Amino acid sequence: MSDKDELAKLLFIADNQDSEDPDHEWEMTTRHDPDFTKYAFALADAILAAGYRKPRTITTREELDALPSGTAILDSDGNTNVLHDNGWVLPGSGGGYTSWAVAQALPVTVLYEPTP
C-alpha cells in the first residue's frame, strides 16, 4: 500500500468512524464506488504535498546496525538515543551502548537520519 493509499484510508475511516464497520466500508467503496472516496485521496495528496511523511520504524537489529552515525531514535521505552562513532548514547548520560542493548527496546522510530 502506498503512503497516499494508507493516508487516504486513515482519513476515510476517521471521517466515517460512526459507521458500523468503517474499514469494511472503505474496502467496498474503493472497489465499487471509487468516486465516493475521491475526497480522501485529495486530502492525502494535500497532506503529503505539505511535507508529512510517516516516521520510519526500525524493527530488527540489522536495520539498526545499518543506520549512519548521527541518527536519533525514539525507542519503545520512550528513550531518545543518538548514534555516535562509539555507539548509542542516551543524551545526558555518559558512555555508549551497543546496538544489542538498544535492540532490546525495538521497535524504534527514527527521529532524525543524516543524509550523505
N, C-alpha and C. Protein backbone atom coordinates (compact mmCIF):
# COMPACT_ATOMS: atom_id res chain seq x y z
N MET A 1 0.85 -1.17 0.00
CA MET A 1 0.00 0.00 0.00
C MET A 1 0.90 1.24 0.00
N SER A 2 0.63 2.19 -0.87
CA SER A 2 1.42 3.41 -0.95
C SER A 2 1.12 4.31 0.25
N ASP A 3 2.00 5.28 0.49
CA ASP A 3 1.77 6.24 1.57
C ASP A 3 0.45 6.97 1.35
N LYS A 4 0.19 7.34 0.08
CA LYS A 4 -1.05 8.05 -0.25
C LYS A 4 -2.27 7.17 0.05
N ASP A 5 -2.22 5.91 -0.36
CA ASP A 5 -3.35 5.00 -0.11
C ASP A 5 -3.57 4.79 1.39
N GLU A 6 -2.49 4.61 2.13
CA GLU A 6 -2.59 4.39 3.57
C GLU A 6 -3.19 5.61 4.27
N LEU A 7 -2.72 6.79 3.88
CA LEU A 7 -3.22 8.02 4.49
C LEU A 7 -4.68 8.26 4.11
N ALA A 8 -5.04 8.04 2.84
CA ALA A 8 -6.43 8.21 2.41
C ALA A 8 -7.36 7.28 3.19
N LYS A 9 -6.93 6.05 3.39
CA LYS A 9 -7.75 5.09 4.14
C LYS A 9 -7.94 5.56 5.58
N LEU A 10 -6.86 6.02 6.22
CA LEU A 10 -6.96 6.50 7.59
C LEU A 10 -7.92 7.69 7.69
N LEU A 11 -7.84 8.60 6.73
CA LEU A 11 -8.72 9.76 6.72
C LEU A 11 -10.18 9.34 6.53
N PHE A 12 -10.42 8.43 5.61
CA PHE A 12 -11.78 7.94 5.36
C PHE A 12 -12.35 7.27 6.61
N ILE A 13 -11.56 6.42 7.23
CA ILE A 13 -12.02 5.69 8.41
C ILE A 13 -12.31 6.66 9.56
N ALA A 14 -11.44 7.67 9.73
CA ALA A 14 -11.68 8.66 10.78
C ALA A 14 -12.94 9.46 10.50
N ASP A 15 -13.15 9.79 9.22
CA ASP A 15 -14.32 10.56 8.83
C ASP A 15 -15.61 9.76 8.97
N ASN A 16 -15.51 8.45 8.87
CA ASN A 16 -16.69 7.58 8.91
C ASN A 16 -16.70 6.71 10.16
N GLN A 17 -16.13 7.20 11.22
CA GLN A 17 -15.99 6.40 12.45
C GLN A 17 -17.32 6.01 13.08
N ASP A 18 -18.38 6.73 12.76
CA ASP A 18 -19.67 6.40 13.34
C ASP A 18 -20.39 5.27 12.60
N SER A 19 -19.84 4.86 11.45
CA SER A 19 -20.49 3.76 10.73
C SER A 19 -20.18 2.45 11.46
N GLU A 20 -20.91 1.42 11.13
CA GLU A 20 -20.78 0.14 11.82
C GLU A 20 -19.40 -0.48 11.64
N ASP A 21 -18.87 -0.43 10.41
CA ASP A 21 -17.56 -1.03 10.12
C ASP A 21 -16.85 -0.18 9.08
N PRO A 22 -16.21 0.92 9.50
CA PRO A 22 -15.60 1.83 8.54
C PRO A 22 -14.50 1.18 7.68
N ASP A 23 -13.78 0.23 8.22
CA ASP A 23 -12.74 -0.45 7.45
C ASP A 23 -13.36 -1.24 6.29
N HIS A 24 -14.43 -1.96 6.56
CA HIS A 24 -15.14 -2.71 5.52
C HIS A 24 -15.78 -1.74 4.51
N GLU A 25 -16.31 -0.65 5.03
CA GLU A 25 -16.91 0.36 4.15
C GLU A 25 -15.86 0.92 3.18
N TRP A 26 -14.65 1.15 3.67
CA TRP A 26 -13.56 1.61 2.80
C TRP A 26 -13.28 0.58 1.70
N GLU A 27 -13.17 -0.66 2.09
CA GLU A 27 -12.86 -1.71 1.10
C GLU A 27 -13.95 -1.80 0.04
N MET A 28 -15.19 -1.78 0.44
CA MET A 28 -16.29 -1.90 -0.52
C MET A 28 -16.42 -0.64 -1.39
N THR A 29 -16.27 0.51 -0.77
CA THR A 29 -16.43 1.77 -1.50
C THR A 29 -15.32 1.96 -2.53
N THR A 30 -14.08 1.70 -2.14
CA THR A 30 -12.98 1.88 -3.10
C THR A 30 -13.10 0.88 -4.25
N ARG A 31 -13.67 -0.26 -3.99
CA ARG A 31 -13.81 -1.28 -5.03
C ARG A 31 -15.01 -0.99 -5.95
N HIS A 32 -16.15 -0.57 -5.38
CA HIS A 32 -17.38 -0.47 -6.15
C HIS A 32 -17.83 0.96 -6.47
N ASP A 33 -17.39 1.94 -5.71
CA ASP A 33 -17.80 3.33 -5.94
C ASP A 33 -16.65 4.27 -5.61
N PRO A 34 -15.53 4.15 -6.36
CA PRO A 34 -14.33 4.91 -6.03
C PRO A 34 -14.51 6.43 -6.04
N ASP A 35 -15.50 6.94 -6.78
CA ASP A 35 -15.75 8.38 -6.77
C ASP A 35 -16.09 8.88 -5.36
N PHE A 36 -16.70 8.03 -4.55
CA PHE A 36 -17.10 8.39 -3.19
C PHE A 36 -15.88 8.62 -2.29
N THR A 37 -14.71 8.08 -2.67
CA THR A 37 -13.51 8.23 -1.83
C THR A 37 -12.54 9.27 -2.39
N LYS A 38 -12.91 9.96 -3.47
CA LYS A 38 -12.00 10.96 -4.06
C LYS A 38 -11.56 12.00 -3.04
N TYR A 39 -12.47 12.40 -2.16
CA TYR A 39 -12.13 13.43 -1.18
C TYR A 39 -10.99 12.97 -0.27
N ALA A 40 -10.99 11.69 0.10
CA ALA A 40 -9.94 11.18 0.99
C ALA A 40 -8.59 11.20 0.29
N PHE A 41 -8.57 10.87 -1.00
CA PHE A 41 -7.31 10.92 -1.75
C PHE A 41 -6.85 12.36 -1.96
N ALA A 42 -7.80 13.29 -2.16
CA ALA A 42 -7.44 14.70 -2.31
C ALA A 42 -6.82 15.23 -1.01
N LEU A 43 -7.41 14.86 0.13
CA LEU A 43 -6.84 15.25 1.42
C LEU A 43 -5.45 14.65 1.62
N ALA A 44 -5.30 13.38 1.26
CA ALA A 44 -4.00 12.72 1.40
C ALA A 44 -2.96 13.42 0.53
N ASP A 45 -3.32 13.77 -0.71
CA ASP A 45 -2.40 14.49 -1.59
C ASP A 45 -1.95 15.81 -0.96
N ALA A 46 -2.89 16.55 -0.39
CA ALA A 46 -2.57 17.84 0.22
C ALA A 46 -1.64 17.67 1.42
N ILE A 47 -1.91 16.68 2.23
CA ILE A 47 -1.08 16.44 3.42
C ILE A 47 0.33 16.03 3.01
N LEU A 48 0.44 15.15 2.03
CA LEU A 48 1.76 14.73 1.55
C LEU A 48 2.50 15.88 0.87
N ALA A 49 1.78 16.71 0.12
CA ALA A 49 2.39 17.86 -0.54
C ALA A 49 2.93 18.87 0.47
N ALA A 50 2.30 18.92 1.65
CA ALA A 50 2.76 19.82 2.71
C ALA A 50 4.00 19.30 3.42
N GLY A 51 4.41 18.07 3.09
CA GLY A 51 5.65 17.55 3.64
C GLY A 51 5.50 16.44 4.67
N TYR A 52 4.28 16.04 5.01
CA TYR A 52 4.12 14.98 6.00
C TYR A 52 4.68 13.67 5.46
N ARG A 53 5.42 12.99 6.27
CA ARG A 53 5.89 11.63 5.98
C ARG A 53 5.75 10.81 7.25
N LYS A 54 5.27 9.62 7.10
CA LYS A 54 5.15 8.71 8.24
C LYS A 54 6.56 8.42 8.77
N PRO A 55 6.75 8.51 10.07
CA PRO A 55 8.08 8.23 10.62
C PRO A 55 8.53 6.80 10.30
N ARG A 56 9.80 6.65 10.03
CA ARG A 56 10.38 5.34 9.73
C ARG A 56 10.48 4.53 11.02
N THR A 57 10.07 3.28 10.95
CA THR A 57 10.15 2.38 12.10
C THR A 57 11.18 1.30 11.82
N ILE A 58 12.05 1.09 12.78
CA ILE A 58 13.07 0.05 12.70
C ILE A 58 12.61 -1.10 13.58
N THR A 59 12.58 -2.31 13.01
CA THR A 59 12.08 -3.46 13.77
C THR A 59 13.10 -4.56 13.99
N THR A 60 14.28 -4.47 13.35
CA THR A 60 15.29 -5.52 13.51
C THR A 60 16.64 -4.92 13.87
N ARG A 61 17.48 -5.72 14.46
CA ARG A 61 18.82 -5.26 14.81
C ARG A 61 19.63 -4.97 13.55
N GLU A 62 19.38 -5.72 12.48
CA GLU A 62 20.10 -5.49 11.22
C GLU A 62 19.81 -4.08 10.69
N GLU A 63 18.54 -3.67 10.76
CA GLU A 63 18.18 -2.31 10.33
C GLU A 63 18.84 -1.27 11.24
N LEU A 64 18.88 -1.56 12.52
CA LEU A 64 19.51 -0.67 13.50
C LEU A 64 20.99 -0.51 13.19
N ASP A 65 21.66 -1.62 12.89
CA ASP A 65 23.09 -1.59 12.60
C ASP A 65 23.42 -0.86 11.30
N ALA A 66 22.45 -0.73 10.41
CA ALA A 66 22.68 -0.08 9.12
C ALA A 66 22.52 1.44 9.19
N LEU A 67 22.07 1.96 10.33
CA LEU A 67 21.87 3.40 10.44
C LEU A 67 23.20 4.14 10.52
N PRO A 68 23.28 5.33 9.92
CA PRO A 68 24.53 6.08 9.94
C PRO A 68 24.73 6.83 11.27
N SER A 69 25.98 7.14 11.55
CA SER A 69 26.31 7.93 12.73
C SER A 69 25.58 9.27 12.65
N GLY A 70 25.05 9.71 13.79
CA GLY A 70 24.28 10.95 13.84
C GLY A 70 22.78 10.73 13.86
N THR A 71 22.35 9.48 13.67
CA THR A 71 20.92 9.16 13.68
C THR A 71 20.38 9.26 15.11
N ALA A 72 19.19 9.82 15.24
CA ALA A 72 18.49 9.89 16.52
C ALA A 72 17.24 9.03 16.44
N ILE A 73 16.99 8.26 17.48
CA ILE A 73 15.83 7.37 17.51
C ILE A 73 15.07 7.54 18.82
N LEU A 74 13.82 7.12 18.79
CA LEU A 74 12.99 7.04 19.98
C LEU A 74 12.67 5.57 20.17
N ASP A 75 13.10 4.98 21.29
CA ASP A 75 12.87 3.54 21.48
C ASP A 75 11.50 3.30 22.12
N SER A 76 11.12 2.04 22.18
CA SER A 76 9.79 1.68 22.68
C SER A 76 9.63 1.95 24.18
N ASP A 77 10.75 2.23 24.87
CA ASP A 77 10.69 2.60 26.29
C ASP A 77 10.54 4.11 26.47
N GLY A 78 10.54 4.85 25.35
CA GLY A 78 10.40 6.30 25.42
C GLY A 78 11.71 7.05 25.53
N ASN A 79 12.83 6.36 25.35
CA ASN A 79 14.15 7.00 25.43
C ASN A 79 14.62 7.44 24.06
N THR A 80 15.23 8.62 24.00
CA THR A 80 15.85 9.10 22.78
C THR A 80 17.32 8.69 22.84
N ASN A 81 17.79 8.09 21.76
CA ASN A 81 19.19 7.67 21.66
C ASN A 81 19.78 8.26 20.40
N VAL A 82 21.07 8.59 20.44
CA VAL A 82 21.77 9.13 19.27
C VAL A 82 22.97 8.24 19.00
N LEU A 83 23.15 7.87 17.75
CA LEU A 83 24.27 7.02 17.36
C LEU A 83 25.49 7.87 17.07
N HIS A 84 26.57 7.57 17.79
CA HIS A 84 27.86 8.21 17.56
C HIS A 84 28.83 7.12 17.13
N ASP A 85 30.04 7.51 16.80
CA ASP A 85 31.03 6.53 16.35
C ASP A 85 31.33 5.48 17.42
N ASN A 86 31.16 5.84 18.70
CA ASN A 86 31.45 4.90 19.79
C ASN A 86 30.22 4.16 20.28
N GLY A 87 29.10 4.30 19.60
CA GLY A 87 27.89 3.57 19.98
C GLY A 87 26.72 4.49 20.22
N TRP A 88 25.65 3.91 20.72
CA TRP A 88 24.42 4.65 21.00
C TRP A 88 24.55 5.36 22.34
N VAL A 89 24.11 6.61 22.38
CA VAL A 89 24.21 7.42 23.60
C VAL A 89 22.84 7.97 23.94
N LEU A 90 22.47 7.83 25.20
CA LEU A 90 21.29 8.50 25.73
C LEU A 90 21.74 9.90 26.09
N PRO A 91 21.19 10.95 25.46
CA PRO A 91 21.63 12.30 25.79
C PRO A 91 21.57 12.55 27.30
N GLY A 92 22.61 13.17 27.81
CA GLY A 92 22.69 13.45 29.24
C GLY A 92 23.32 12.34 30.06
N SER A 93 23.65 11.22 29.39
CA SER A 93 24.29 10.13 30.11
C SER A 93 25.69 9.93 29.54
N GLY A 94 26.51 9.28 30.28
CA GLY A 94 27.85 9.01 29.80
C GLY A 94 27.92 7.67 29.08
N GLY A 95 28.93 7.52 28.26
CA GLY A 95 29.19 6.24 27.63
C GLY A 95 28.24 5.88 26.51
N GLY A 96 28.62 4.87 25.77
CA GLY A 96 27.80 4.42 24.66
C GLY A 96 27.25 3.03 24.90
N TYR A 97 26.15 2.75 24.25
CA TYR A 97 25.52 1.44 24.34
C TYR A 97 25.70 0.72 23.01
N THR A 98 25.72 -0.58 23.06
CA THR A 98 25.83 -1.35 21.83
C THR A 98 24.47 -1.42 21.15
N SER A 99 24.48 -1.79 19.87
CA SER A 99 23.20 -1.94 19.17
C SER A 99 22.39 -3.08 19.80
N TRP A 100 23.07 -4.06 20.39
CA TRP A 100 22.36 -5.15 21.06
C TRP A 100 21.51 -4.58 22.20
N ALA A 101 22.11 -3.68 23.00
CA ALA A 101 21.38 -3.10 24.14
C ALA A 101 20.20 -2.27 23.66
N VAL A 102 20.41 -1.47 22.62
CA VAL A 102 19.32 -0.65 22.09
C VAL A 102 18.25 -1.53 21.46
N ALA A 103 18.65 -2.61 20.83
CA ALA A 103 17.70 -3.52 20.18
C ALA A 103 16.75 -4.18 21.17
N GLN A 104 17.07 -4.15 22.44
CA GLN A 104 16.17 -4.72 23.44
C GLN A 104 14.89 -3.90 23.56
N ALA A 105 14.91 -2.67 23.04
CA ALA A 105 13.73 -1.80 23.09
C ALA A 105 13.15 -1.56 21.69
N LEU A 106 13.30 -2.55 20.80
CA LEU A 106 12.69 -2.46 19.48
C LEU A 106 11.18 -2.64 19.61
N PRO A 107 10.38 -2.08 18.75
CA PRO A 107 10.75 -1.26 17.60
C PRO A 107 11.14 0.16 18.03
N VAL A 108 11.90 0.84 17.16
CA VAL A 108 12.28 2.22 17.41
C VAL A 108 11.79 3.07 16.24
N THR A 109 11.59 4.34 16.52
CA THR A 109 11.18 5.30 15.49
C THR A 109 12.36 6.21 15.19
N VAL A 110 12.68 6.36 13.92
CA VAL A 110 13.77 7.25 13.53
C VAL A 110 13.27 8.69 13.61
N LEU A 111 13.91 9.49 14.47
CA LEU A 111 13.55 10.90 14.62
C LEU A 111 14.35 11.76 13.65
N TYR A 112 15.60 11.38 13.42
CA TYR A 112 16.48 12.13 12.52
C TYR A 112 17.49 11.17 11.95
N GLU A 113 17.71 11.26 10.66
CA GLU A 113 18.73 10.45 10.00
C GLU A 113 19.50 11.37 9.05
N PRO A 114 20.81 11.55 9.30
CA PRO A 114 21.57 12.44 8.43
C PRO A 114 21.65 11.90 7.00
N THR A 115 21.66 12.82 6.07
CA THR A 115 21.80 12.42 4.68
C THR A 115 23.25 12.57 4.27
N PRO A 116 23.71 11.68 3.39
CA PRO A 116 25.12 11.75 2.98
C PRO A 116 25.46 13.03 2.23
